[in-house]
Amino acid sequence: LCFFFKGGDVTNHDGTGGRSIYGDAFEEESFEVKHTGPGLLSMANRGRATNNSQFFTTLKTVEALDFKHVVFGFVTDGTDVVKKLESFGSPNGLVSGRVVITDCGQIENSGF
């Protein structure tokens, strides 16, 4: 069906905007982690050095995203929610409902 879901447009709320804590955009950090399965969090961008607040979560392995989008995290709890979100997608890219993130935060570096 679909291979990721995207969010993080905090300025236009339609997928065309975004803003980072570093300004309008920032460069990629590392392409070391590959898109090898569901539940990986990656930066959404429009090409090199265009990262902002937009991100996506993979629903399956997507090698075509490697070396274009930086993986920065992974889902550790709530994989059932990730699976449920997949049902909102369609082959033509239209979604059947709206999903809103109501709370988020930053996990302090714990040495991993």
PDB file of N, CA and C in Angstrom:
ATOM      1  N   LEU A   1       0.837  -1.184   0.000  1.00  0.00           N
ATOM      2  CA  LEU A   1       0.000   0.000   0.000  1.00  0.00           C
ATOM      3  C   LEU A   1       0.881   1.246   0.000  1.00  0.00           C
ATOM      4  N   CYS A   2       1.388   1.672   1.150  1.00  0.00           N
ATOM      5  CA  CYS A   2       2.283   2.824   1.210  1.00  0.00           C
ATOM      6  C   CYS A   2       3.524   2.420   1.994  1.00  0.00           C
ATOM      7  N   PHE A   3       4.595   3.220   1.899  1.00  0.00           N
ATOM      8  CA  PHE A   3       5.839   2.827   2.555  1.00  0.00           C
ATOM      9  C   PHE A   3       6.283   3.764   3.663  1.00  0.00           C
ATOM     10  N   PHE A   4       5.576   4.895   3.869  1.00  0.00           N
ATOM     11  CA  PHE A   4       5.881   5.760   5.008  1.00  0.00           C
ATOM     12  C   PHE A   4       4.708   6.690   5.273  1.00  0.00           C
ATOM     13  N   PHE A   5       4.708   7.312   6.453  1.00  0.00           N
ATOM     14  CA  PHE A   5       3.793   8.417   6.714  1.00  0.00           C
ATOM     15  C   PHE A   5       4.633   9.591   7.186  1.00  0.00           C
ATOM     16  N   LYS A   6       4.192  10.800   6.834  1.00  0.00           N
ATOM     17  CA  LYS A   6       4.997  12.001   7.034  1.00  0.00           C
ATOM     18  C   LYS A   6       4.273  12.996   7.927  1.00  0.00           C
ATOM     19  N   GLY A   7       5.053  13.792   8.657  1.00  0.00           N
ATOM     20  CA  GLY A   7       4.505  14.847   9.492  1.00  0.00           C
ATOM     21  C   GLY A   7       5.549  15.908   9.752  1.00  0.00           C
ATOM     22  N   GLY A   8       5.216  16.874  10.591  1.00  0.00           N
ATOM     23  CA  GLY A   8       6.189  17.860  11.031  1.00  0.00           C
ATOM     24  C   GLY A   8       6.142  19.214  10.364  1.00  0.00           C
ATOM     25  N   ASP A   9       5.170  19.457   9.475  1.00  0.00           N
ATOM     26  CA  ASP A   9       5.058  20.785   8.875  1.00  0.00           C
ATOM     27  C   ASP A   9       4.397  21.701   9.900  1.00  0.00           C
ATOM     28  N   VAL A  10       5.222  22.368  10.687  1.00  0.00           N
ATOM     29  CA  VAL A  10       4.721  23.209  11.779  1.00  0.00           C
ATOM     30  C   VAL A  10       4.386  24.630  11.342  1.00  0.00           C
ATOM     31  N   THR A  11       4.629  24.965  10.074  1.00  0.00           N
ATOM     32  CA  THR A  11       4.347  26.324   9.608  1.00  0.00           C
ATOM     33  C   THR A  11       3.108  26.391   8.717  1.00  0.00           C
ATOM     34  N   ASN A  12       3.011  25.542   7.695  1.00  0.00           N
ATOM     35  CA  ASN A  12       1.881  25.592   6.762  1.00  0.00           C
ATOM     36  C   ASN A  12       0.833  24.510   7.016  1.00  0.00           C
ATOM     37  N   HIS A  13       1.210  23.473   7.736  1.00  0.00           N
ATOM     38  CA  HIS A  13       0.307  22.367   8.085  1.00  0.00           C
ATOM     39  C   HIS A  13      -0.267  21.639   6.871  1.00  0.00           C
ATOM     40  N   ASP A  14       0.460  21.678   5.741  1.00  0.00           N
ATOM     41  CA  ASP A  14      -0.020  20.979   4.547  1.00  0.00           C
ATOM     42  C   ASP A  14       1.085  20.202   3.828  1.00  0.00           C
ATOM     43  N   GLY A  15       2.248  20.072   4.458  1.00  0.00           N
ATOM     44  CA  GLY A  15       3.355  19.344   3.852  1.00  0.00           C
ATOM     45  C   GLY A  15       4.283  20.182   3.005  1.00  0.00           C
ATOM     46  N   THR A  16       4.026  21.486   2.888  1.00  0.00           N
ATOM     47  CA  THR A  16       4.870  22.350   2.062  1.00  0.00           C
ATOM     48  C   THR A  16       5.825  23.212   2.872  1.00  0.00           C
ATOM     49  N   GLY A  17       5.685  23.231   4.185  1.00  0.00           N
ATOM     50  CA  GLY A  17       6.502  24.117   5.015  1.00  0.00           C
ATOM     51  C   GLY A  17       7.328  23.373   6.032  1.00  0.00           C
ATOM     52  N   GLY A  18       7.744  24.095   7.034  1.00  0.00           N
ATOM     53  CA  GLY A  18       8.544  23.526   8.106  1.00  0.00           C
ATOM     54  C   GLY A  18       9.596  24.505   8.567  1.00  0.00           C
ATOM     55  N   ARG A  19      10.056  24.323   9.770  1.00  0.00           N
ATOM     56  CA  ARG A  19      11.105  25.177  10.327  1.00  0.00           C
ATOM     57  C   ARG A  19      11.838  24.364  11.381  1.00  0.00           C
ATOM     58  N   SER A  20      13.139  24.482  11.379  1.00  0.00           N
ATOM     59  CA  SER A  20      13.923  23.729  12.355  1.00  0.00           C
ATOM     60  C   SER A  20      14.377  24.645  13.483  1.00  0.00           C
ATOM     61  N   ILE A  21      14.854  24.047  14.553  1.00  0.00           N
ATOM     62  CA  ILE A  21      15.405  24.841  15.648  1.00  0.00           C
ATOM     63  C   ILE A  21      16.713  25.504  15.237  1.00  0.00           C
ATOM     64  N   TYR A  22      17.267  25.096  14.076  1.00  0.00           N
ATOM     65  CA  TYR A  22      18.519  25.656  13.568  1.00  0.00           C
ATOM     66  C   TYR A  22      18.275  26.746  12.532  1.00  0.00           C
ATOM     67  N   GLY A  23      17.040  27.150  12.300  1.00  0.00           N
ATOM     68  CA  GLY A  23      16.710  28.118  11.266  1.00  0.00           C
ATOM     69  C   GLY A  23      15.800  27.475  10.240  1.00  0.00           C
ATOM     70  N   ASP A  24      15.819  27.990   9.019  1.00  0.00           N
ATOM     71  CA  ASP A  24      14.934  27.458   7.985  1.00  0.00           C
ATOM     72  C   ASP A  24      15.258  26.017   7.614  1.00  0.00           C
ATOM     73  N   ALA A  25      16.535  25.693   7.456  1.00  0.00           N
ATOM     74  CA  ALA A  25      16.935  24.347   7.027  1.00  0.00           C
ATOM     75  C   ALA A  25      18.339  24.047   7.537  1.00  0.00           C
ATOM     76  N   PHE A  26      18.701  22.761   7.500  1.00  0.00           N
ATOM     77  CA  PHE A  26      20.049  22.371   7.916  1.00  0.00           C
ATOM     78  C   PHE A  26      20.516  21.178   7.096  1.00  0.00           C
ATOM     79  N   GLU A  27      21.829  20.952   7.098  1.00  0.00           N
ATOM     80  CA  GLU A  27      22.428  19.892   6.293  1.00  0.00           C
ATOM     81  C   GLU A  27      22.264  18.523   6.937  1.00  0.00           C
ATOM     82  N   GLU A  28      22.446  17.501   6.110  1.00  0.00           N
ATOM     83  CA  GLU A  28      22.383  16.127   6.581  1.00  0.00           C
ATOM     84  C   GLU A  28      23.561  15.844   7.498  1.00  0.00           C
ATOM     85  N   GLU A  29      23.379  14.915   8.429  1.00  0.00           N
ATOM     86  CA  GLU A  29      24.446  14.564   9.358  1.00  0.00           C
ATOM     87  C   GLU A  29      25.154  13.279   8.968  1.00  0.00           C
ATOM     88  N   SER A  30      24.410  12.191   8.761  1.00  0.00           N
ATOM     89  CA  SER A  30      25.030  10.903   8.454  1.00  0.00           C
ATOM     90  C   SER A  30      24.016  10.000   7.776  1.00  0.00           C
ATOM     91  N   PHE A  31      24.483   9.278   6.767  1.00  0.00           N
ATOM     92  CA  PHE A  31      23.624   8.311   6.085  1.00  0.00           C
ATOM     93  C   PHE A  31      23.977   6.893   6.511  1.00  0.00           C
ATOM     94  N   GLU A  32      24.595   6.749   7.684  1.00  0.00           N
ATOM     95  CA  GLU A  32      25.077   5.452   8.158  1.00  0.00           C
ATOM     96  C   GLU A  32      23.948   4.438   8.354  1.00  0.00           C
ATOM     97  N   VAL A  33      22.835   4.859   8.946  1.00  0.00           N
ATOM     98  CA  VAL A  33      21.715   3.943   9.187  1.00  0.00           C
ATOM     99  C   VAL A  33      20.843   3.894   7.937  1.00  0.00           C
ATOM    100  N   LYS A  34      20.501   2.703   7.504  1.00  0.00           N
ATOM    101  CA  LYS A  34      19.706   2.501   6.290  1.00  0.00           C
ATOM    102  C   LYS A  34      18.241   2.272   6.643  1.00  0.00           C
ATOM    103  N   HIS A  35      17.379   2.421   5.652  1.00  0.00           N
ATOM    104  CA  HIS A  35      15.931   2.244   5.799  1.00  0.00           C
ATOM    105  C   HIS A  35      15.590   0.762   5.633  1.00  0.00           C
ATOM    106  N   THR A  36      15.866  -0.011   6.688  1.00  0.00           N
ATOM    107  CA  THR A  36      15.821  -1.475   6.612  1.00  0.00           C
ATOM    108  C   THR A  36      14.525  -2.106   7.107  1.00  0.00           C
ATOM    109  N   GLY A  37      13.549  -1.320   7.504  1.00  0.00           N
ATOM    110  CA  GLY A  37      12.309  -1.916   7.984  1.00  0.00           C
ATOM    111  C   GLY A  37      11.347  -0.887   8.534  1.00  0.00           C
ATOM    112  N   PRO A  38      10.243  -1.348   9.110  1.00  0.00           N
ATOM    113  CA  PRO A  38       9.236  -0.427   9.641  1.00  0.00           C
ATOM    114  C   PRO A  38       9.675   0.243  10.945  1.00  0.00           C
ATOM    115  N   GLY A  39       9.115   1.437  11.188  1.00  0.00           N
ATOM    116  CA  GLY A  39       9.331   2.128  12.454  1.00  0.00           C
ATOM    117  C   GLY A  39      10.563   2.997  12.536  1.00  0.00           C
ATOM    118  N   LEU A  40      11.235   3.255  11.410  1.00  0.00           N
ATOM    119  CA  LEU A  40      12.409   4.131  11.424  1.00  0.00           C
ATOM    120  C   LEU A  40      11.976   5.574  11.188  1.00  0.00           C
ATOM    121  N   LEU A  41      12.529   6.507  11.950  1.00  0.00           N
ATOM    122  CA  LEU A  41      12.228   7.932  11.813  1.00  0.00           C
ATOM    123  C   LEU A  41      13.321   8.579  10.980  1.00  0.00           C
ATOM    124  N   SER A  42      12.932   9.301   9.933  1.00  0.00           N
ATOM    125  CA  SER A  42      13.895   9.928   9.026  1.00  0.00           C
ATOM    126  C   SER A  42      13.494  11.359   8.724  1.00  0.00           C
ATOM    127  N   MET A  43      14.475  12.148   8.338  1.00  0.00           N
ATOM    128  CA  MET A  43      14.224  13.527   7.939  1.00  0.00           C
ATOM    129  C   MET A  43      13.630  13.552   6.535  1.00  0.00           C
ATOM    130  N   ALA A  44      12.523  14.270   6.367  1.00  0.00           N
ATOM    131  CA  ALA A  44      11.949  14.503   5.043  1.00  0.00           C
ATOM    132  C   ALA A  44      12.620  15.757   4.492  1.00  0.00           C
ATOM    133  N   ASN A  45      12.958  15.745   3.215  1.00  0.00           N
ATOM    134  CA  ASN A  45      13.597  16.914   2.624  1.00  0.00           C
ATOM    135  C   ASN A  45      13.280  17.011   1.139  1.00  0.00           C
ATOM    136  N   ARG A  46      13.726  18.092   0.515  1.00  0.00           N
ATOM    137  CA  ARG A  46      13.544  18.320  -0.915  1.00  0.00           C
ATOM    138  C   ARG A  46      14.886  18.304  -1.632  1.00  0.00           C
ATOM    139  N   GLY A  47      15.872  17.641  -1.066  1.00  0.00           N
ATOM    140  CA  GLY A  47      17.218  17.611  -1.617  1.00  0.00           C
ATOM    141  C   GLY A  47      18.226  17.979  -0.548  1.00  0.00           C
ATOM    142  N   ARG A  48      19.494  18.000  -0.926  1.00  0.00           N
ATOM    143  CA  ARG A  48      20.577  18.278   0.017  1.00  0.00           C
ATOM    144  C   ARG A  48      20.364  19.582   0.777  1.00  0.00           C
ATOM    145  N   ALA A  49      20.625  19.536   2.082  1.00  0.00           N
ATOM    146  CA  ALA A  49      20.612  20.703   2.974  1.00  0.00           C
ATOM    147  C   ALA A  49      19.260  21.415   3.019  1.00  0.00           C
ATOM    148  N   THR A  50      18.164  20.668   2.883  1.00  0.00           N
ATOM    149  CA  THR A  50      16.828  21.267   2.974  1.00  0.00           C
ATOM    150  C   THR A  50      16.019  20.669   4.124  1.00  0.00           C
ATOM    151  N   ASN A  51      16.683  20.042   5.087  1.00  0.00           N
ATOM    152  CA  ASN A  51      15.990  19.472   6.244  1.00  0.00           C
ATOM    153  C   ASN A  51      15.410  20.588   7.098  1.00  0.00           C
ATOM    154  N   ASN A  52      14.196  20.366   7.596  1.00  0.00           N
ATOM    155  CA  ASN A  52      13.596  21.307   8.543  1.00  0.00           C
ATOM    156  C   ASN A  52      12.871  20.481   9.605  1.00  0.00           C
ATOM    157  N   SER A  53      11.648  20.772   9.915  1.00  0.00           N
ATOM    158  CA  SER A  53      10.938  20.020  10.956  1.00  0.00           C
ATOM    159  C   SER A  53      10.188  18.806  10.418  1.00  0.00           C
ATOM    160  N   GLN A  54      10.138  18.628   9.103  1.00  0.00           N
ATOM    161  CA  GLN A  54       9.390  17.503   8.546  1.00  0.00           C
ATOM    162  C   GLN A  54      10.158  16.193   8.692  1.00  0.00           C
ATOM    163  N   PHE A  55       9.412  15.145   8.969  1.00  0.00           N
ATOM    164  CA  PHE A  55       9.995  13.820   9.163  1.00  0.00           C
ATOM    165  C   PHE A  55       9.027  12.779   8.627  1.00  0.00           C
ATOM    166  N   PHE A  56       9.499  11.556   8.493  1.00  0.00           N
ATOM    167  CA  PHE A  56       8.597  10.464   8.144  1.00  0.00           C
ATOM    168  C   PHE A  56       8.991   9.221   8.914  1.00  0.00           C
ATOM    169  N   THR A  57       8.053   8.301   9.001  1.00  0.00           N
ATOM    170  CA  THR A  57       8.261   7.015   9.655  1.00  0.00           C
ATOM    171  C   THR A  57       8.026   5.928   8.625  1.00  0.00           C
ATOM    172  N   THR A  58       8.999   5.032   8.470  1.00  0.00           N
ATOM    173  CA  THR A  58       8.862   3.973   7.469  1.00  0.00           C
ATOM    174  C   THR A  58       7.869   2.909   7.924  1.00  0.00           C
ATOM    175  N   LEU A  59       7.222   2.309   6.934  1.00  0.00           N
ATOM    176  CA  LEU A  59       6.293   1.210   7.179  1.00  0.00           C
ATOM    177  C   LEU A  59       6.852  -0.113   6.679  1.00  0.00           C
ATOM    178  N   LYS A  60       7.976  -0.051   5.948  1.00  0.00           N
ATOM    179  CA  LYS A  60       8.646  -1.249   5.449  1.00  0.00           C
ATOM    180  C   LYS A  60      10.050  -0.856   4.996  1.00  0.00           C
ATOM    181  N   THR A  61      10.830  -1.800   4.524  1.00  0.00           N
ATOM    182  CA  THR A  61      12.154  -1.517   3.977  1.00  0.00           C
ATOM    183  C   THR A  61      11.997  -0.693   2.704  1.00  0.00           C
ATOM    184  N   VAL A  62      12.764   0.410   2.581  1.00  0.00           N
ATOM    185  CA  VAL A  62      12.701   1.270   1.399  1.00  0.00           C
ATOM    186  C   VAL A  62      14.123   1.705   1.056  1.00  0.00           C
ATOM    187  N   GLU A  63      14.842   0.868   0.311  1.00  0.00           N
ATOM    188  CA  GLU A  63      16.240   1.159  -0.027  1.00  0.00           C
ATOM    189  C   GLU A  63      16.391   2.429  -0.846  1.00  0.00           C
ATOM    190  N   ALA A  64      15.372   2.828  -1.592  1.00  0.00           N
ATOM    191  CA  ALA A  64      15.444   4.034  -2.420  1.00  0.00           C
ATOM    192  C   ALA A  64      15.627   5.300  -1.579  1.00  0.00           C
ATOM    193  N   LEU A  65      15.329   5.243  -0.291  1.00  0.00           N
ATOM    194  CA  LEU A  65      15.486   6.406   0.590  1.00  0.00           C
ATOM    195  C   LEU A  65      16.898   6.532   1.155  1.00  0.00           C
ATOM    196  N   ASP A  66      17.687   5.449   1.065  1.00  0.00           N
ATOM    197  CA  ASP A  66      19.053   5.465   1.592  1.00  0.00           C
ATOM    198  C   ASP A  66      19.897   6.503   0.857  1.00  0.00           C
ATOM    199  N   PHE A  67      20.772   7.181   1.579  1.00  0.00           N
ATOM    200  CA  PHE A  67      21.687   8.215   1.074  1.00  0.00           C
ATOM    201  C   PHE A  67      20.958   9.474   0.593  1.00  0.00           C
ATOM    202  N   LYS A  68      19.660   9.582   0.889  1.00  0.00           N
ATOM    203  CA  LYS A  68      18.887  10.783   0.577  1.00  0.00           C
ATOM    204  C   LYS A  68      18.243  11.367   1.827  1.00  0.00           C
ATOM    205  N   HIS A  69      17.880  10.490   2.766  1.00  0.00           N
ATOM    206  CA  HIS A  69      17.180  10.903   3.980  1.00  0.00           C
ATOM    207  C   HIS A  69      17.869  10.287   5.192  1.00  0.00           C
ATOM    208  N   VAL A  70      18.192  11.111   6.177  1.00  0.00           N
ATOM    209  CA  VAL A  70      18.907  10.661   7.372  1.00  0.00           C
ATOM    210  C   VAL A  70      17.942   9.999   8.354  1.00  0.00           C
ATOM    211  N   VAL A  71      18.258   8.761   8.737  1.00  0.00           N
ATOM    212  CA  VAL A  71      17.517   8.081   9.799  1.00  0.00           C
ATOM    213  C   VAL A  71      18.037   8.632  11.124  1.00  0.00           C
ATOM    214  N   PHE A  72      17.132   9.128  11.965  1.00  0.00           N
ATOM    215  CA  PHE A  72      17.574   9.711  13.234  1.00  0.00           C
ATOM    216  C   PHE A  72      16.977   9.022  14.458  1.00  0.00           C
ATOM    217  N   GLY A  73      16.141   8.030  14.263  1.00  0.00           N
ATOM    218  CA  GLY A  73      15.552   7.348  15.407  1.00  0.00           C
ATOM    219  C   GLY A  73      14.687   6.190  14.979  1.00  0.00           C
ATOM    220  N   PHE A  74      14.030   5.583  15.955  1.00  0.00           N
ATOM    221  CA  PHE A  74      13.147   4.457  15.655  1.00  0.00           C
ATOM    222  C   PHE A  74      12.058   4.370  16.718  1.00  0.00           C
ATOM    223  N   VAL A  75      10.961   3.774  16.343  1.00  0.00           N
ATOM    224  CA  VAL A  75       9.838   3.590  17.259  1.00  0.00           C
ATOM    225  C   VAL A  75      10.210   2.504  18.256  1.00  0.00           C
ATOM    226  N   THR A  76      10.155   2.827  19.538  1.00  0.00           N
ATOM    227  CA  THR A  76      10.491   1.847  20.573  1.00  0.00           C
ATOM    228  C   THR A  76       9.255   1.304  21.271  1.00  0.00           C
ATOM    229  N   ASP A  77       8.174   2.047  21.204  1.00  0.00           N
ATOM    230  CA  ASP A  77       6.935   1.625  21.851  1.00  0.00           C
ATOM    231  C   ASP A  77       5.786   2.123  20.988  1.00  0.00           C
ATOM    232  N   GLY A  78       4.769   1.323  20.819  1.00  0.00           N
ATOM    233  CA  GLY A  78       3.632   1.746  20.009  1.00  0.00           C
ATOM    234  C   GLY A  78       3.722   1.302  18.567  1.00  0.00           C
ATOM    235  N   THR A  79       4.433   0.214  18.307  1.00  0.00           N
ATOM    236  CA  THR A  79       4.508  -0.280  16.926  1.00  0.00           C
ATOM    237  C   THR A  79       3.121  -0.647  16.403  1.00  0.00           C
ATOM    238  N   ASP A  80       2.200  -0.967  17.296  1.00  0.00           N
ATOM    239  CA  ASP A  80       0.823  -1.236  16.881  1.00  0.00           C
ATOM    240  C   ASP A  80       0.181   0.029  16.307  1.00  0.00           C
ATOM    241  N   VAL A  81       0.557   1.193  16.835  1.00  0.00           N
ATOM    242  CA  VAL A  81       0.046   2.461  16.320  1.00  0.00           C
ATOM    243  C   VAL A  81       0.603   2.714  14.924  1.00  0.00           C
ATOM    244  N   VAL A  82       1.888   2.439  14.719  1.00  0.00           N
ATOM    245  CA  VAL A  82       2.495   2.584  13.393  1.00  0.00           C
ATOM    246  C   VAL A  82       1.733   1.723  12.390  1.00  0.00           C
ATOM    247  N   LYS A  83       1.443   0.499  12.751  1.00  0.00           N
ATOM    248  CA  LYS A  83       0.704  -0.413  11.870  1.00  0.00           C
ATOM    249  C   LYS A  83      -0.694   0.135  11.578  1.00  0.00           C
ATOM    250  N   LYS A  84      -1.365   0.684  12.586  1.00  0.00           N
ATOM    251  CA  LYS A  84      -2.699   1.258  12.400  1.00  0.00           C
ATOM    252  C   LYS A  84      -2.649   2.450  11.444  1.00  0.00           C
ATOM    253  N   LEU A  85      -1.614   3.283  11.548  1.00  0.00           N
ATOM    254  CA  LEU A  85      -1.493   4.447  10.668  1.00  0.00           C
ATOM    255  C   LEU A  85      -1.376   4.037   9.207  1.00  0.00           C
ATOM    256  N   GLU A  86      -0.797   2.869   8.960  1.00  0.00           N
ATOM    257  CA  GLU A  86      -0.670   2.376   7.587  1.00  0.00           C
ATOM    258  C   GLU A  86      -2.042   2.241   6.924  1.00  0.00           C
ATOM    259  N   SER A  87      -3.060   1.921   7.689  1.00  0.00           N
ATOM    260  CA  SER A  87      -4.403   1.732   7.131  1.00  0.00           C
ATOM    261  C   SER A  87      -5.030   3.046   6.654  1.00  0.00           C
ATOM    262  N   PHE A  88      -4.465   4.193   7.019  1.00  0.00           N
ATOM    263  CA  PHE A  88      -4.983   5.484   6.581  1.00  0.00           C
ATOM    264  C   PHE A  88      -4.515   5.844   5.171  1.00  0.00           C
ATOM    265  N   GLY A  89      -3.520   5.135   4.645  1.00  0.00           N
ATOM    266  CA  GLY A  89      -2.960   5.456   3.339  1.00  0.00           C
ATOM    267  C   GLY A  89      -3.706   4.809   2.192  1.00  0.00           C
ATOM    268  N   SER A  90      -3.281   5.163   0.966  1.00  0.00           N
ATOM    269  CA  SER A  90      -3.865   4.590  -0.246  1.00  0.00           C
ATOM    270  C   SER A  90      -2.806   4.579  -1.344  1.00  0.00           C
ATOM    271  N   PRO A  91      -2.996   3.778  -2.386  1.00  0.00           N
ATOM    272  CA  PRO A  91      -2.016   3.727  -3.482  1.00  0.00           C
ATOM    273  C   PRO A  91      -1.809   5.068  -4.190  1.00  0.00           C
ATOM    274  N   ASN A  92      -2.826   5.940  -4.201  1.00  0.00           N
ATOM    275  CA  ASN A  92      -2.689   7.224  -4.899  1.00  0.00           C
ATOM    276  C   ASN A  92      -2.166   8.341  -3.995  1.00  0.00           C
ATOM    277  N   GLY A  93      -1.860   8.020  -2.734  1.00  0.00           N
ATOM    278  CA  GLY A  93      -1.289   9.010  -1.826  1.00  0.00           C
ATOM    279  C   GLY A  93      -2.291   9.775  -0.989  1.00  0.00           C
ATOM    280  N   LEU A  94      -3.576   9.632  -1.284  1.00  0.00           N
ATOM    281  CA  LEU A  94      -4.590  10.301  -0.473  1.00  0.00           C
ATOM    282  C   LEU A  94      -4.775   9.548   0.836  1.00  0.00           C
ATOM    283  N   VAL A  95      -5.125  10.274   1.877  1.00  0.00           N
ATOM    284  CA  VAL A  95      -5.316   9.644   3.186  1.00  0.00           C
ATOM    285  C   VAL A  95      -6.798   9.646   3.548  1.00  0.00           C
ATOM    286  N   SER A  96      -7.189   8.666   4.355  1.00  0.00           N
ATOM    287  CA  SER A  96      -8.600   8.534   4.719  1.00  0.00           C
ATOM    288  C   SER A  96      -8.937   9.222   6.036  1.00  0.00           C
ATOM    289  N   GLY A  97      -7.953   9.785   6.697  1.00  0.00           N
ATOM    290  CA  GLY A  97      -8.203  10.476   7.954  1.00  0.00           C
ATOM    291  C   GLY A  97      -7.007  11.298   8.366  1.00  0.00           C
ATOM    292  N   ARG A  98      -7.190  12.134   9.353  1.00  0.00           N
ATOM    293  CA  ARG A  98      -6.123  13.002   9.846  1.00  0.00           C
ATOM    294  C   ARG A  98      -5.593  12.449  11.163  1.00  0.00           C
ATOM    295  N   VAL A  99      -4.282  12.454  11.302  1.00  0.00           N
ATOM    296  CA  VAL A  99      -3.626  12.007  12.528  1.00  0.00           C
ATOM    297  C   VAL A  99      -2.858  13.194  13.092  1.00  0.00           C
ATOM    298  N   VAL A 100      -2.997  13.462  14.379  1.00  0.00           N
ATOM    299  CA  VAL A 100      -2.344  14.603  15.009  1.00  0.00           C
ATOM    300  C   VAL A 100      -1.468  14.117  16.158  1.00  0.00           C
ATOM    301  N   ILE A 101      -0.211  14.553  16.171  1.00  0.00           N
ATOM    302  CA  ILE A 101       0.687  14.288  17.298  1.00  0.00           C
ATOM    303  C   ILE A 101       0.385  15.342  18.351  1.00  0.00           C
ATOM    304  N   THR A 102      -0.033  14.908  19.523  1.00  0.00           N
ATOM    305  CA  THR A 102      -0.438  15.858  20.563  1.00  0.00           C
ATOM    306  C   THR A 102       0.641  16.123  21.598  1.00  0.00           C
ATOM    307  N   ASP A 103       1.679  15.290  21.630  1.00  0.00           N
ATOM    308  CA  ASP A 103       2.751  15.481  22.600  1.00  0.00           C
ATOM    309  C   ASP A 103       4.019  14.869  22.033  1.00  0.00           C
ATOM    310  N   CYS A 104       5.128  15.498  22.288  1.00  0.00           N
ATOM    311  CA  CYS A 104       6.410  14.967  21.835  1.00  0.00           C
ATOM    312  C   CYS A 104       7.500  15.516  22.744  1.00  0.00           C
ATOM    313  N   GLY A 105       8.705  15.055  22.545  1.00  0.00           N
ATOM    314  CA  GLY A 105       9.802  15.529  23.369  1.00  0.00           C
ATOM    315  C   GLY A 105      11.121  15.015  22.854  1.00  0.00           C
ATOM    316  N   GLN A 106      12.155  15.271  23.603  1.00  0.00           N
ATOM    317  CA  GLN A 106      13.500  14.848  23.242  1.00  0.00           C
ATOM    318  C   GLN A 106      14.016  13.907  24.314  1.00  0.00           C
ATOM    319  N   ILE A 107      14.541  12.778  23.869  1.00  0.00           N
ATOM    320  CA  ILE A 107      15.146  11.830  24.793  1.00  0.00           C
ATOM    321  C   ILE A 107      16.602  12.221  24.964  1.00  0.00           C
ATOM    322  N   GLU A 108      17.025  12.408  26.186  1.00  0.00           N
ATOM    323  CA  GLU A 108      18.413  12.775  26.444  1.00  0.00           C
ATOM    324  C   GLU A 108      19.336  11.637  26.036  1.00  0.00           C
ATOM    325  N   ASN A 109      20.511  11.978  25.562  1.00  0.00           N
ATOM    326  CA  ASN A 109      21.495  10.985  25.137  1.00  0.00           C
ATOM    327  C   ASN A 109      21.818  10.057  26.301  1.00  0.00           C
ATOM    328  N   SER A 110      21.545   8.787  26.101  1.00  0.00           N
ATOM    329  CA  SER A 110      21.798   7.815  27.169  1.00  0.00           C
ATOM    330  C   SER A 110      22.969   6.907  26.823  1.00  0.00           C
ATOM    331  N   GLY A 111      23.827   7.372  25.930  1.00  0.00           N
ATOM    332  CA  GLY A 111      25.029   6.624  25.600  1.00  0.00           C
ATOM    333  C   GLY A 111      24.858   5.561  24.543  1.00  0.00           C
ATOM    334  N   PHE A 112      23.765   5.593  23.792  1.00  0.00           N
ATOM    335  CA  PHE A 112      23.605   4.590  22.737  1.00  0.00           C
ATOM    336  C   PHE A 112      24.037   5.120  21.412  1.00  0.00           C
TER     337      PHE A 112
END
